[in-house]
Amino acid sequence: MHVPARNPDGLARLERLQAAIQASGDLVYTWDLATDRIEWVGSSEPVFGADGVRDPVTGDHFNGRVNPEDLPQRMQALSEHFTGAGGYDCEYRVRSSTGEFQWVHDRGAVEMSPTGTPVRLSGTLRLVDQRRQQQAQLEYLATYDELTGHYNKLRLREALDHALSYSVRFDHAGAFVVVGLDQLDRINSAYGHEVGDAVLVEVAHRLDRCLRSTDLIGRLGSDRFGVLLHARDEQAPPMIGERILQSIRHSPVQVGGEKIQVTASIGLVHFPSQARTSSDVMAKAEGALLKAKAAGRDCLKVYRLSEEQRQRHRADMEIGERVTQALKEDRLVFAYQPVVDARSHAVQFYECLLRMSSPEGDLIPASEFVPAVERLGMMRALDRRSLDLALHDLEGQANVTLAVNISGVTAADRGWLRALVSRLKDRRDLARRLIVEITETAALHDLEDTARFVSVLRDLGCQVAIDDFGAGYTTFRHLKALTVDIVKIDGSFVRDLARDRKNQLFIRNLLSLTETFNLCTIAECVETKEEADFLLSEGVQFLQGYFFGRPDVNPVWRRRGTPFRSRKATSEGPQRLNAG
């Protein structure tokens, strides 16, 4: 009988392959679908446990090890793959011999018979439990405060946004409470920050015991909690607030061998009667909290509208109705103001300034309706409309660059950002011709949120500008955190610049700050040749103002019927504005 000779080279290659699989940590399998038998190559111990005898050897046996919550997802992925609807790639939990579940990444490909029947599935299992745990931790930190376990500021603001929408739509009252611990800094100084943290945790527990299951708690800052109350009338929230104060002052907090007497102050605002946006609600509650602290602490103050504020609110409501109608009838338009090169005066891009067309055809400037819209919490709708208008222009004019202003509310609005990402993720040709402007005061209001917002925009390919630069209190640290492309010098420092030495000095200081970060600078409200010449001599790269052109709803690139071509345009579109 002839015995085939052993192939040493083939065995060596097989051993090397097995060693490589072992080193990778992956578990390779072949599942014979006809016999339902599974063969494993690699170390099964990390996935199934030390008892290799109980490794699953059939498909049914393996399915019995898959977490019942995840099994339908795995079976659906297999079914879609077998019918040619997609690749087989999914993650699920598998039970080891000790009874513990671990996450695995399963990826494979089916082999079909000549008749189109699935015959064999070959693939790999990889443990991803550590990555899943890290992902879960990141998701937790994105929603919850690490110290107390309650919502963080961002998540509480989102919940407040939903509550406001519900309250307006269904005429359902609510209240927002800011609870501030009195003199926590003294506790930290006297006993240390660990004791201060323990006090915060105990106060958080007492808040839980005071509130109902429908109320939400979040941590707003180092010594402040926010509480979202659902109330049927305006009498209930102050009573709950007093109950919170009593709970905190009633007994000292015991930490180790120390007994620490703690009190708190509370600011409360009702919505929607007193405020209609989350930022407005939080600001008014914080204002009431300051009044409580000024009144001696350990008390509650409620924010109330004055008669003058009530009259303004009624006027705002009338403007809001007109803006809502204009949105429905598509009567919001852009007026485009050119931004020019400071040296050549050639137009580089246009700033889009929102206008409302009245039913009679008159154009109403943004200054006459935007402040009211902001107070009513309607800016998201206007900013979404602005985004639609700008992207429509960019799609129709291949060589025009446009700058669009957005409000501080939108800078923290994930919905608006998701809409922008979905529109631009595969359109870098549009993204690099879009400049998003955020006012300095809005950018500094919540620096961390703004920094994330700016990062997403720049990843898409957009440029980001800080508008009204100099009106706030931007520092070296702020500019470093935001990583914007452009700063626009506030027009109040440009007017009468040729004769105002204080403004001249201020602009020089601003420019020295922007030069450190190699940022592009634009001066607004340039109305005379003297102002333009001075700004050029100081190193400002771009200018905007009536001296170069007023806002126009029918700009030159529309009147000519041909796309405007920037002086810096290339075959790939305009270059990024850059001070370097």
Protein backbone atom coordinates (compact mmCIF):
# COMPACT_ATOMS: atom_id res chain seq x y z
CA MET A 1 0.00 0.00 0.00
CA HIS A 2 1.31 3.44 -0.91
CA VAL A 3 1.49 5.87 2.00
CA PRO A 4 1.62 9.57 0.98
CA ALA A 5 4.79 11.27 2.12
CA ARG A 6 4.40 13.90 4.85
CA ASN A 7 4.97 17.44 3.67
CA PRO A 8 7.29 19.11 6.21
CA ASP A 9 6.89 22.54 4.60
CA GLY A 10 3.09 22.33 4.79
CA LEU A 11 3.18 21.27 8.43
CA ALA A 12 5.57 24.09 9.26
CA ARG A 13 3.30 26.63 7.59
CA LEU A 14 0.29 25.22 9.50
CA GLU A 15 2.15 25.44 12.80
CA ARG A 16 3.20 29.03 12.07
CA LEU A 17 -0.40 29.91 11.19
CA GLN A 18 -1.66 28.36 14.43
CA ALA A 19 1.02 30.24 16.38
CA ALA A 20 -0.01 33.51 14.73
CA ILE A 21 -3.68 32.90 15.59
CA GLN A 22 -2.69 32.06 19.16
CA ALA A 23 -0.63 35.26 19.45
CA SER A 24 -3.40 37.45 18.02
CA GLY A 25 -5.82 36.38 20.74
CA ASP A 26 -8.49 35.70 18.11
CA LEU A 27 -10.48 32.49 18.10
CA VAL A 28 -10.94 31.16 14.55
CA TYR A 29 -13.86 28.87 13.77
CA THR A 30 -15.36 26.85 10.96
CA TRP A 31 -19.06 26.05 11.30
CA ASP A 32 -20.30 23.19 9.08
CA LEU A 33 -23.93 24.15 8.57
CA ALA A 34 -24.98 20.74 7.29
CA THR A 35 -23.75 18.81 10.36
CA ASP A 36 -23.99 21.78 12.75
CA ARG A 37 -20.43 21.06 13.93
CA ILE A 38 -18.01 23.85 14.92
CA GLU A 39 -14.23 23.51 14.94
CA TRP A 40 -12.13 26.05 16.85
CA VAL A 41 -8.54 27.09 16.21
CA GLY A 42 -6.74 29.19 18.84
CA SER A 43 -7.05 29.54 22.58
CA SER A 44 -10.68 29.26 23.66
CA GLU A 45 -9.92 29.88 27.34
CA PRO A 46 -10.31 33.73 27.27
CA VAL A 47 -13.77 33.39 25.69
CA PHE A 48 -15.26 30.18 27.07
CA GLY A 49 -13.23 29.66 30.25
CA ALA A 50 -10.54 27.28 31.45
CA ASP A 51 -12.66 24.14 31.05
CA GLY A 52 -12.03 23.41 27.38
CA VAL A 53 -14.18 20.25 27.58
CA ARG A 54 -17.28 22.43 27.64
CA ASP A 55 -16.39 24.55 24.60
CA PRO A 56 -19.44 24.68 22.29
CA VAL A 57 -19.06 22.18 19.44
CA THR A 58 -22.40 22.75 17.68
CA GLY A 59 -24.30 25.79 16.53
CA ASP A 60 -27.15 25.04 18.94
CA HIS A 61 -24.70 24.66 21.81
CA PHE A 62 -23.05 27.99 20.92
CA ASN A 63 -26.41 29.79 20.68
CA GLY A 64 -27.08 28.57 24.21
CA ARG A 65 -23.99 30.48 25.34
CA VAL A 66 -25.07 33.75 23.66
CA ASN A 67 -26.85 36.24 25.92
CA PRO A 68 -30.62 35.89 25.24
CA GLU A 69 -30.90 39.67 24.81
CA ASP A 70 -28.31 39.59 22.01
CA LEU A 71 -29.29 36.34 20.27
CA PRO A 72 -32.03 37.85 18.02
CA GLN A 73 -29.53 40.42 16.73
CA ARG A 74 -26.97 37.69 15.91
CA MET A 75 -29.58 35.49 14.17
CA GLN A 76 -30.79 38.44 12.11
CA ALA A 77 -27.20 39.25 11.05
CA LEU A 78 -26.67 35.61 10.02
CA SER A 79 -29.94 35.49 8.10
CA GLU A 80 -29.16 38.70 6.19
CA HIS A 81 -25.68 37.41 5.37
CA PHE A 82 -26.94 34.03 4.14
CA THR A 83 -29.43 35.75 1.82
CA GLY A 84 -26.76 38.10 0.44
CA ALA A 85 -28.17 41.22 2.10
CA GLY A 86 -24.90 42.20 3.78
CA GLY A 87 -21.68 41.06 5.42
CA TYR A 88 -21.67 39.17 8.70
CA ASP A 89 -20.21 41.46 11.36
CA CYS A 90 -21.77 41.88 14.80
CA GLU A 91 -21.05 42.12 18.52
CA TYR A 92 -22.81 40.24 21.30
CA ARG A 93 -22.22 38.73 24.74
CA VAL A 94 -21.11 35.12 25.30
CA ARG A 95 -21.28 33.21 28.60
CA SER A 96 -18.10 31.53 29.82
CA SER A 97 -17.94 28.33 31.89
CA THR A 98 -17.99 30.49 35.04
CA GLY A 99 -21.34 31.99 34.07
CA GLU A 100 -20.00 35.48 33.31
CA PHE A 101 -20.88 37.23 30.04
CA GLN A 102 -18.21 38.86 27.88
CA TRP A 103 -18.52 40.93 24.72
CA VAL A 104 -17.14 39.41 21.49
CA HIS A 105 -16.80 40.75 17.97
CA ASP A 106 -17.88 38.05 15.49
CA ARG A 107 -16.96 38.43 11.84
CA GLY A 108 -17.21 35.83 9.12
CA ALA A 109 -18.15 34.85 5.58
CA VAL A 110 -20.38 32.05 4.34
CA GLU A 111 -19.44 29.54 1.64
CA MET A 112 -22.32 28.67 -0.70
CA SER A 113 -22.99 25.44 -2.61
CA PRO A 114 -23.44 25.48 -6.41
CA THR A 115 -27.20 25.50 -5.78
CA GLY A 116 -26.94 28.59 -3.60
CA THR A 117 -27.34 26.85 -0.25
CA PRO A 118 -25.18 28.00 2.70
CA VAL A 119 -22.62 25.26 3.39
CA ARG A 120 -20.00 26.58 5.77
CA LEU A 121 -19.37 29.74 7.81
CA SER A 122 -15.78 30.64 8.61
CA GLY A 123 -14.88 33.50 10.88
CA THR A 124 -13.20 34.85 13.98
CA LEU A 125 -14.27 35.73 17.50
CA ARG A 126 -12.39 38.52 19.24
CA LEU A 127 -12.88 39.61 22.83
CA VAL A 128 -13.89 43.28 23.00
CA ASP A 129 -15.06 43.34 26.60
CA GLN A 130 -12.48 45.92 27.68
CA ARG A 131 -13.37 48.24 24.79
CA ARG A 132 -17.06 47.85 25.58
CA GLN A 133 -16.43 48.71 29.21
CA GLN A 134 -14.44 51.79 28.20
CA GLN A 135 -17.19 52.79 25.76
CA ALA A 136 -19.82 52.35 28.46
CA GLN A 137 -17.73 54.47 30.83
CA LEU A 138 -17.40 57.24 28.23
CA GLU A 139 -21.14 57.12 27.55
CA TYR A 140 -21.76 57.33 31.29
CA LEU A 141 -19.46 60.33 31.71
CA ALA A 142 -21.14 62.04 28.75
CA THR A 143 -24.45 61.86 30.61
CA TYR A 144 -23.76 61.64 34.32
CA ASP A 145 -21.69 63.44 36.91
CA GLU A 146 -18.92 61.11 38.03
CA LEU A 147 -19.04 62.17 41.69
CA THR A 148 -22.77 62.11 42.47
CA GLY A 149 -24.18 59.88 39.73
CA HIS A 150 -26.78 62.48 38.75
CA TYR A 151 -27.12 64.06 35.31
CA ASN A 152 -24.30 66.38 34.25
CA LYS A 153 -24.99 69.93 33.09
CA LEU A 154 -25.27 69.07 29.38
CA ARG A 155 -27.73 66.22 29.93
CA LEU A 156 -29.81 68.30 32.37
CA ARG A 157 -30.00 71.09 29.81
CA GLU A 158 -31.26 68.62 27.19
CA ALA A 159 -33.91 67.38 29.63
CA LEU A 160 -34.87 70.99 30.31
CA ASP A 161 -35.21 71.64 26.57
CA HIS A 162 -37.63 68.71 26.27
CA ALA A 163 -39.59 69.88 29.32
CA LEU A 164 -39.89 73.38 27.87
CA SER A 165 -41.15 72.07 24.53
CA TYR A 166 -43.70 69.90 26.32
CA SER A 167 -44.82 72.74 28.62
CA VAL A 168 -45.40 75.13 25.70
CA ARG A 169 -47.16 72.55 23.56
CA PHE A 170 -49.48 71.16 26.24
CA ASP A 171 -49.74 74.20 28.54
CA HIS A 172 -48.09 72.25 31.35
CA ALA A 173 -46.26 74.24 34.04
CA GLY A 174 -42.85 73.36 35.41
CA ALA A 175 -40.09 74.88 37.50
CA PHE A 176 -36.32 74.83 37.62
CA VAL A 177 -34.43 75.05 40.90
CA VAL A 178 -30.75 75.80 41.46
CA VAL A 179 -29.52 74.53 44.83
CA GLY A 180 -26.22 76.11 45.87
CA LEU A 181 -24.32 74.89 48.92
CA ASP A 182 -23.37 77.78 51.19
CA GLN A 183 -19.64 78.36 51.60
CA LEU A 184 -18.44 75.00 50.28
CA ASP A 185 -15.06 76.64 49.65
CA ARG A 186 -14.63 77.08 53.42
CA ILE A 187 -15.36 73.40 54.01
CA ASN A 188 -12.75 72.51 51.37
CA SER A 189 -10.21 74.83 53.00
CA ALA A 190 -10.85 73.59 56.54
CA TYR A 191 -11.23 69.85 55.96
CA GLY A 192 -9.89 69.20 52.45
CA HIS A 193 -11.51 68.51 49.09
CA GLU A 194 -12.21 64.84 49.88
CA VAL A 195 -14.45 65.91 52.76
CA GLY A 196 -16.02 68.55 50.52
CA ASP A 197 -16.78 65.86 47.94
CA ALA A 198 -18.33 63.66 50.63
CA VAL A 199 -20.57 66.58 51.65
CA LEU A 200 -21.70 67.00 48.04
CA VAL A 201 -22.53 63.30 47.76
CA GLU A 202 -24.57 63.39 50.98
CA VAL A 203 -26.46 66.51 49.82
CA ALA A 204 -27.20 64.70 46.54
CA HIS A 205 -28.68 61.80 48.55
CA ARG A 206 -30.84 64.20 50.53
CA LEU A 207 -32.10 65.77 47.31
CA ASP A 208 -33.09 62.30 46.09
CA ARG A 209 -35.10 61.71 49.26
CA CYS A 210 -36.90 65.09 48.94
CA LEU A 211 -38.00 64.70 45.34
CA ARG A 212 -40.46 62.62 43.38
CA SER A 213 -39.57 60.00 40.78
CA THR A 214 -40.70 62.37 38.00
CA ASP A 215 -38.25 65.11 39.06
CA LEU A 216 -34.71 65.23 37.63
CA ILE A 217 -31.48 66.22 39.37
CA GLY A 218 -28.23 67.30 37.75
CA ARG A 219 -24.98 68.81 38.90
CA LEU A 220 -24.41 72.25 37.40
CA GLY A 221 -21.03 73.09 38.92
CA SER A 222 -18.69 72.55 41.82
CA ASP A 223 -21.22 73.61 44.49
CA ARG A 224 -24.54 73.72 42.62
CA PHE A 225 -27.28 71.27 41.68
CA GLY A 226 -30.10 71.83 39.22
CA VAL A 227 -33.54 70.29 39.80
CA LEU A 228 -36.22 70.03 37.12
CA LEU A 229 -39.66 69.95 38.72
CA HIS A 230 -42.89 68.96 37.02
CA ALA A 231 -45.66 70.89 38.76
CA ARG A 232 -49.38 71.39 38.22
CA ASP A 233 -49.42 74.83 39.87
CA GLU A 234 -46.99 77.52 41.02
CA GLN A 235 -47.48 76.78 44.73
CA ALA A 236 -45.88 73.32 44.72
CA PRO A 237 -42.27 74.16 43.62
CA PRO A 238 -41.57 76.68 46.44
CA MET A 239 -42.88 74.13 48.95
CA ILE A 240 -40.53 71.50 47.52
CA GLY A 241 -37.69 74.04 47.68
CA GLU A 242 -38.36 74.72 51.36
CA ARG A 243 -38.41 70.97 51.98
CA ILE A 244 -34.96 70.70 50.35
CA LEU A 245 -33.59 73.49 52.58
CA GLN A 246 -35.02 71.82 55.68
CA SER A 247 -33.53 68.46 54.71
CA ILE A 248 -30.05 69.95 54.24
CA ARG A 249 -30.03 72.08 57.42
CA HIS A 250 -31.81 69.54 59.62
CA SER A 251 -28.81 67.44 60.61
CA PRO A 252 -25.06 67.82 60.11
CA VAL A 253 -23.20 65.76 57.53
CA GLN A 254 -21.00 63.18 59.20
CA VAL A 255 -17.72 62.43 57.43
CA GLY A 256 -15.40 60.16 59.38
CA GLY A 257 -15.22 61.65 62.84
CA GLU A 258 -16.34 65.11 61.71
CA LYS A 259 -19.86 66.53 61.92
CA ILE A 260 -20.25 69.39 59.46
CA GLN A 261 -23.25 71.68 59.52
CA VAL A 262 -24.34 72.51 55.97
CA THR A 263 -26.89 74.94 54.59
CA ALA A 264 -27.93 75.80 51.06
CA SER A 265 -29.54 78.63 49.12
CA ILE A 266 -32.08 78.16 46.36
CA GLY A 267 -33.07 80.09 43.24
CA LEU A 268 -36.31 79.08 41.52
CA VAL A 269 -37.93 80.04 38.23
CA HIS A 270 -41.27 78.91 36.79
CA PHE A 271 -41.62 78.03 33.11
CA PRO A 272 -42.93 78.72 30.56
CA SER A 273 -44.52 81.80 32.18
CA GLN A 274 -41.15 83.31 33.20
CA ALA A 275 -38.75 81.83 30.62
CA ARG A 276 -38.92 79.76 27.44
CA THR A 277 -35.36 78.66 26.67
CA SER A 278 -33.07 76.43 28.69
CA SER A 279 -30.32 79.05 28.81
CA ASP A 280 -32.83 81.71 29.94
CA VAL A 281 -34.30 79.38 32.57
CA MET A 282 -30.88 78.53 33.97
CA ALA A 283 -29.73 82.17 33.94
CA LYS A 284 -32.85 83.38 35.76
CA ALA A 285 -32.64 80.61 38.35
CA GLU A 286 -28.96 81.48 38.92
CA GLY A 287 -29.97 85.13 39.33
CA ALA A 288 -32.56 84.16 41.94
CA LEU A 289 -29.90 82.05 43.70
CA LEU A 290 -27.62 85.10 43.95
CA LYS A 291 -30.47 87.04 45.53
CA ALA A 292 -30.96 84.24 48.07
CA LYS A 293 -27.27 84.32 48.99
CA ALA A 294 -27.36 88.13 49.24
CA ALA A 295 -30.37 87.85 51.57
CA GLY A 296 -28.30 85.93 54.12
CA ARG A 297 -28.21 82.41 52.64
CA ASP A 298 -30.22 79.36 53.78
CA CYS A 299 -33.32 80.69 52.00
CA LEU A 300 -35.25 80.50 48.72
CA LYS A 301 -35.89 83.26 46.20
CA VAL A 302 -38.30 83.01 43.25
CA TYR A 303 -37.67 84.86 40.00
CA ARG A 304 -40.58 87.14 39.06
CA LEU A 305 -41.22 89.25 35.98
CA SER A 306 -41.76 92.96 36.59
CA GLU A 307 -44.62 94.79 34.86
CA GLU A 308 -42.15 96.30 32.41
CA GLN A 309 -40.81 92.83 31.66
CA ARG A 310 -44.37 91.53 31.17
CA GLN A 311 -45.06 94.25 28.60
CA ARG A 312 -41.85 93.41 26.77
CA HIS A 313 -42.79 89.74 26.86
CA ARG A 314 -46.15 90.51 25.22
CA ALA A 315 -44.36 92.54 22.54
CA ASP A 316 -41.95 89.65 22.03
CA MET A 317 -44.87 87.26 21.56
CA GLU A 318 -46.28 89.46 18.78
CA ILE A 319 -42.92 89.52 17.01
CA GLY A 320 -42.62 85.76 17.49
CA GLU A 321 -45.97 85.26 15.74
CA ARG A 322 -44.82 87.34 12.76
CA VAL A 323 -41.53 85.42 12.52
CA THR A 324 -43.35 82.08 12.71
CA GLN A 325 -45.60 83.16 9.85
CA ALA A 326 -42.59 84.34 7.85
CA LEU A 327 -40.97 80.92 8.32
CA LYS A 328 -44.12 79.20 7.06
CA GLU A 329 -44.36 81.52 4.04
CA ASP A 330 -40.63 81.36 3.21
CA ARG A 331 -40.13 85.10 3.76
CA LEU A 332 -36.76 84.89 5.52
CA VAL A 333 -33.91 85.85 3.19
CA PHE A 334 -30.26 86.78 3.25
CA ALA A 335 -28.66 90.14 2.59
CA TYR A 336 -25.02 89.58 1.60
CA GLN A 337 -22.26 91.95 2.71
CA PRO A 338 -18.81 91.61 1.11
CA VAL A 339 -15.63 91.00 3.10
CA VAL A 340 -12.58 92.29 1.25
CA ASP A 341 -8.82 91.89 1.27
CA ALA A 342 -7.39 94.77 3.30
CA ARG A 343 -4.68 95.50 0.74
CA SER A 344 -6.32 94.94 -2.67
CA HIS A 345 -9.97 95.47 -1.62
CA ALA A 346 -10.88 92.40 -3.69
CA VAL A 347 -13.94 90.57 -2.36
CA GLN A 348 -13.04 87.34 -0.56
CA PHE A 349 -16.40 86.14 0.74
CA TYR A 350 -19.81 87.37 1.85
CA GLU A 351 -21.41 87.45 5.28
CA CYS A 352 -25.05 86.31 5.19
CA LEU A 353 -27.23 88.68 7.23
CA LEU A 354 -30.77 87.51 7.94
CA ARG A 355 -33.69 89.68 6.86
CA MET A 356 -37.44 89.19 7.15
CA SER A 357 -39.61 90.27 4.25
CA SER A 358 -42.93 91.70 5.40
CA PRO A 359 -46.18 90.72 3.61
CA GLU A 360 -45.96 94.16 1.93
CA GLY A 361 -42.45 93.39 0.63
CA ASP A 362 -40.44 95.58 3.04
CA LEU A 363 -37.17 94.14 4.37
CA ILE A 364 -36.92 94.08 8.16
CA PRO A 365 -33.37 93.92 9.60
CA ALA A 366 -32.44 91.20 12.07
CA SER A 367 -31.98 93.74 14.88
CA GLU A 368 -35.75 94.30 14.91
CA PHE A 369 -36.77 90.68 15.45
CA VAL A 370 -33.79 88.50 16.48
CA PRO A 371 -33.56 89.78 20.11
CA ALA A 372 -37.22 88.90 20.68
CA VAL A 373 -36.79 85.56 18.96
CA GLU A 374 -33.83 84.77 21.24
CA ARG A 375 -35.87 85.60 24.34
CA LEU A 376 -38.70 83.37 23.11
CA GLY A 377 -36.38 80.44 22.44
CA MET A 378 -37.02 80.34 18.68
CA MET A 379 -33.46 80.83 17.49
CA ARG A 380 -32.99 77.18 16.58
CA ALA A 381 -35.68 77.53 13.91
CA LEU A 382 -34.01 80.65 12.47
CA ASP A 383 -30.57 79.03 12.54
CA ARG A 384 -31.90 75.95 10.75
CA ARG A 385 -33.41 78.23 8.12
CA SER A 386 -30.09 80.09 7.80
CA LEU A 387 -28.28 76.80 7.28
CA ASP A 388 -30.72 75.77 4.53
CA LEU A 389 -30.36 79.13 2.76
CA ALA A 390 -26.57 79.10 2.92
CA LEU A 391 -26.18 75.52 1.68
CA HIS A 392 -28.63 76.21 -1.15
CA ASP A 393 -26.48 79.17 -2.24
CA LEU A 394 -23.25 77.18 -1.97
CA GLU A 395 -24.69 74.38 -4.08
CA GLY A 396 -25.79 76.83 -6.76
CA GLN A 397 -22.65 79.02 -6.79
CA ALA A 398 -19.56 76.82 -7.00
CA ASN A 399 -17.00 79.54 -6.26
CA VAL A 400 -18.65 81.61 -3.56
CA THR A 401 -17.65 81.44 0.11
CA LEU A 402 -20.29 82.42 2.67
CA ALA A 403 -20.26 83.18 6.39
CA VAL A 404 -23.33 82.38 8.50
CA ASN A 405 -24.03 83.59 12.04
CA ILE A 406 -25.47 81.20 14.60
CA SER A 407 -26.76 81.87 18.09
CA GLY A 408 -25.26 80.69 21.35
CA VAL A 409 -28.23 78.33 21.80
CA THR A 410 -27.44 76.60 18.51
CA ALA A 411 -23.76 76.29 19.41
CA ALA A 412 -24.89 73.88 22.14
CA ASP A 413 -27.62 72.23 20.03
CA ARG A 414 -26.68 68.70 19.01
CA GLY A 415 -29.69 68.51 16.69
CA TRP A 416 -28.46 71.44 14.60
CA LEU A 417 -24.97 69.97 14.54
CA ARG A 418 -26.27 66.56 13.45
CA ALA A 419 -28.21 68.25 10.63
CA LEU A 420 -25.05 70.02 9.48
CA VAL A 421 -22.97 66.84 9.65
CA SER A 422 -25.55 64.89 7.61
CA ARG A 423 -25.57 67.63 4.96
CA LEU A 424 -21.79 68.08 4.74
CA LYS A 425 -20.16 64.75 5.66
CA ASP A 426 -19.66 63.83 1.99
CA ARG A 427 -19.55 67.41 0.66
CA ARG A 428 -16.18 68.89 1.58
CA ASP A 429 -16.51 71.05 -1.53
CA LEU A 430 -19.34 72.86 0.28
CA ALA A 431 -17.86 72.64 3.77
CA ARG A 432 -14.64 74.46 2.90
CA ARG A 433 -16.68 77.35 1.50
CA LEU A 434 -18.79 77.71 4.66
CA ILE A 435 -17.68 79.91 7.56
CA VAL A 436 -19.68 79.58 10.78
CA GLU A 437 -19.61 82.64 13.04
CA ILE A 438 -20.21 82.43 16.80
CA THR A 439 -20.37 85.55 18.94
CA GLU A 440 -17.60 85.90 21.51
CA THR A 441 -20.01 86.06 24.45
CA ALA A 442 -21.77 82.87 23.31
CA ALA A 443 -18.44 81.10 22.78
CA LEU A 444 -17.28 81.93 26.30
CA HIS A 445 -20.62 81.09 27.95
CA ASP A 446 -19.83 77.37 27.97
CA LEU A 447 -16.28 77.00 26.74
CA GLU A 448 -16.23 73.20 26.86
CA ASP A 449 -19.40 72.81 24.75
CA THR A 450 -18.19 75.44 22.28
CA ALA A 451 -14.79 73.75 21.92
CA ARG A 452 -16.51 70.46 20.99
CA PHE A 453 -18.78 72.30 18.56
CA VAL A 454 -15.81 74.03 16.89
CA SER A 455 -13.90 70.74 16.65
CA VAL A 456 -16.75 69.02 14.78
CA LEU A 457 -17.13 71.94 12.37
CA ARG A 458 -13.42 72.02 11.55
CA ASP A 459 -13.34 68.23 11.09
CA LEU A 460 -16.07 68.64 8.47
CA GLY A 461 -13.87 71.18 6.66
CA CYS A 462 -15.74 74.34 7.69
CA GLN A 463 -14.00 77.43 8.98
CA VAL A 464 -15.05 78.92 12.32
CA ALA A 465 -14.99 82.60 13.28
CA ILE A 466 -15.45 84.37 16.60
CA ASP A 467 -17.71 87.34 15.91
CA ASP A 468 -17.70 90.60 17.91
CA PHE A 469 -14.17 89.83 19.14
CA GLY A 470 -13.21 92.17 21.97
CA ALA A 471 -16.76 92.60 23.28
CA GLY A 472 -16.22 89.78 25.78
CA TYR A 473 -13.24 88.71 27.83
CA THR A 474 -11.33 86.35 25.58
CA THR A 475 -7.98 85.32 27.01
CA PHE A 476 -4.97 83.37 25.80
CA ARG A 477 -6.47 80.26 27.42
CA HIS A 478 -9.80 80.74 25.64
CA LEU A 479 -8.25 81.05 22.19
CA LYS A 480 -6.06 78.03 22.84
CA ALA A 481 -9.09 75.95 23.84
CA LEU A 482 -11.31 77.00 20.91
CA THR A 483 -8.85 76.57 17.98
CA VAL A 484 -10.91 78.78 15.65
CA ASP A 485 -9.71 80.04 12.26
CA ILE A 486 -10.89 83.66 12.23
CA VAL A 487 -11.59 86.47 14.67
CA LYS A 488 -13.78 89.44 13.71
CA ILE A 489 -12.93 92.61 15.61
CA ASP A 490 -16.06 94.15 17.10
CA GLY A 491 -17.23 97.22 15.21
CA SER A 492 -17.39 99.37 18.36
CA PHE A 493 -13.57 99.47 18.36
CA VAL A 494 -13.40 100.45 14.67
CA ARG A 495 -15.72 103.44 14.61
CA ASP A 496 -13.80 106.75 14.72
CA LEU A 497 -10.63 104.69 14.86
CA ALA A 498 -8.47 107.28 13.11
CA ARG A 499 -8.91 109.70 16.06
CA ASP A 500 -9.66 107.45 19.04
CA ARG A 501 -6.32 106.48 20.61
CA LYS A 502 -7.93 104.15 23.13
CA ASN A 503 -9.48 102.11 20.33
CA GLN A 504 -6.16 102.10 18.48
CA LEU A 505 -4.38 100.73 21.54
CA PHE A 506 -7.11 98.16 22.13
CA ILE A 507 -6.92 96.88 18.56
CA ARG A 508 -3.13 96.58 18.76
CA ASN A 509 -3.51 94.45 21.89
CA LEU A 510 -6.13 92.26 20.23
CA LEU A 511 -3.94 91.77 17.18
CA SER A 512 -0.96 90.76 19.30
CA LEU A 513 -3.15 88.05 20.84
CA THR A 514 -4.37 86.74 17.48
CA GLU A 515 -0.89 86.78 15.98
CA THR A 516 0.24 84.37 18.69
CA PHE A 517 -2.19 81.80 17.29
CA ASN A 518 -1.66 82.71 13.62
CA LEU A 519 -5.36 83.59 13.24
CA CYS A 520 -6.98 85.47 10.39
CA THR A 521 -8.38 88.87 11.46
CA ILE A 522 -11.36 90.76 10.06
CA ALA A 523 -12.40 94.27 11.10
CA GLU A 524 -16.12 95.06 11.01
CA CYS A 525 -17.96 98.37 10.51
CA VAL A 526 -15.24 100.02 8.39
CA GLU A 527 -16.84 103.19 7.02
CA THR A 528 -13.96 105.48 5.99
CA LYS A 529 -10.71 105.29 4.05
CA GLU A 530 -8.81 106.49 7.12
CA GLU A 531 -10.09 103.53 9.16
CA ALA A 532 -9.25 101.10 6.36
CA ASP A 533 -5.71 102.50 6.02
CA PHE A 534 -5.05 102.34 9.75
CA LEU A 535 -6.27 98.75 10.02
CA LEU A 536 -4.11 97.72 7.06
CA SER A 537 -1.06 99.36 8.63
CA GLU A 538 -1.66 97.43 11.87
CA GLY A 539 -1.82 94.09 10.06
CA VAL A 540 -5.56 93.34 9.79
CA GLN A 541 -6.00 91.06 6.77
CA PHE A 542 -9.68 91.55 5.86
CA LEU A 543 -12.19 94.39 6.13
CA GLN A 544 -15.98 94.64 6.16
CA GLY A 545 -18.23 97.67 6.28
CA TYR A 546 -20.24 100.26 4.36
CA PHE A 547 -17.04 101.68 2.85
CA PHE A 548 -16.79 98.50 0.76
CA GLY A 549 -20.42 97.55 0.35
CA ARG A 550 -23.78 97.48 2.08
CA PRO A 551 -25.74 94.24 2.62
CA ASP A 552 -27.54 93.36 -0.61
CA VAL A 553 -30.22 90.73 -1.19
CA ASN A 554 -29.17 90.58 -4.85
CA PRO A 555 -25.34 90.49 -4.84
CA VAL A 556 -23.20 90.84 -7.92
CA TRP A 557 -22.68 87.11 -8.38
CA ARG A 558 -26.43 86.71 -8.72
CA ARG A 559 -27.02 89.73 -10.92
CA ARG A 560 -24.43 88.62 -13.43
CA GLY A 561 -25.85 85.14 -13.57
CA THR A 562 -22.36 83.67 -13.30
CA PRO A 563 -20.53 82.33 -10.25
CA PHE A 564 -18.37 84.79 -8.36
CA ARG A 565 -14.70 83.84 -8.40
CA SER A 566 -12.64 84.80 -5.39
CA ARG A 567 -9.17 86.23 -5.87
CA LYS A 568 -7.91 83.23 -3.90
CA ALA A 569 -10.03 80.67 -5.72
CA THR A 570 -8.36 77.63 -7.21
CA SER A 571 -9.64 74.73 -9.26
CA GLU A 572 -10.47 73.03 -5.93
CA GLY A 573 -12.34 76.03 -4.49
CA PRO A 574 -11.28 78.98 -2.34
CA GLN A 575 -8.33 78.47 -0.03
CA ARG A 576 -8.77 78.61 3.73
CA LEU A 577 -8.32 82.09 5.13
CA ASN A 578 -5.10 82.02 7.09
CA ALA A 579 -2.97 84.67 8.68
CA GLY A 580 0.17 82.80 7.70
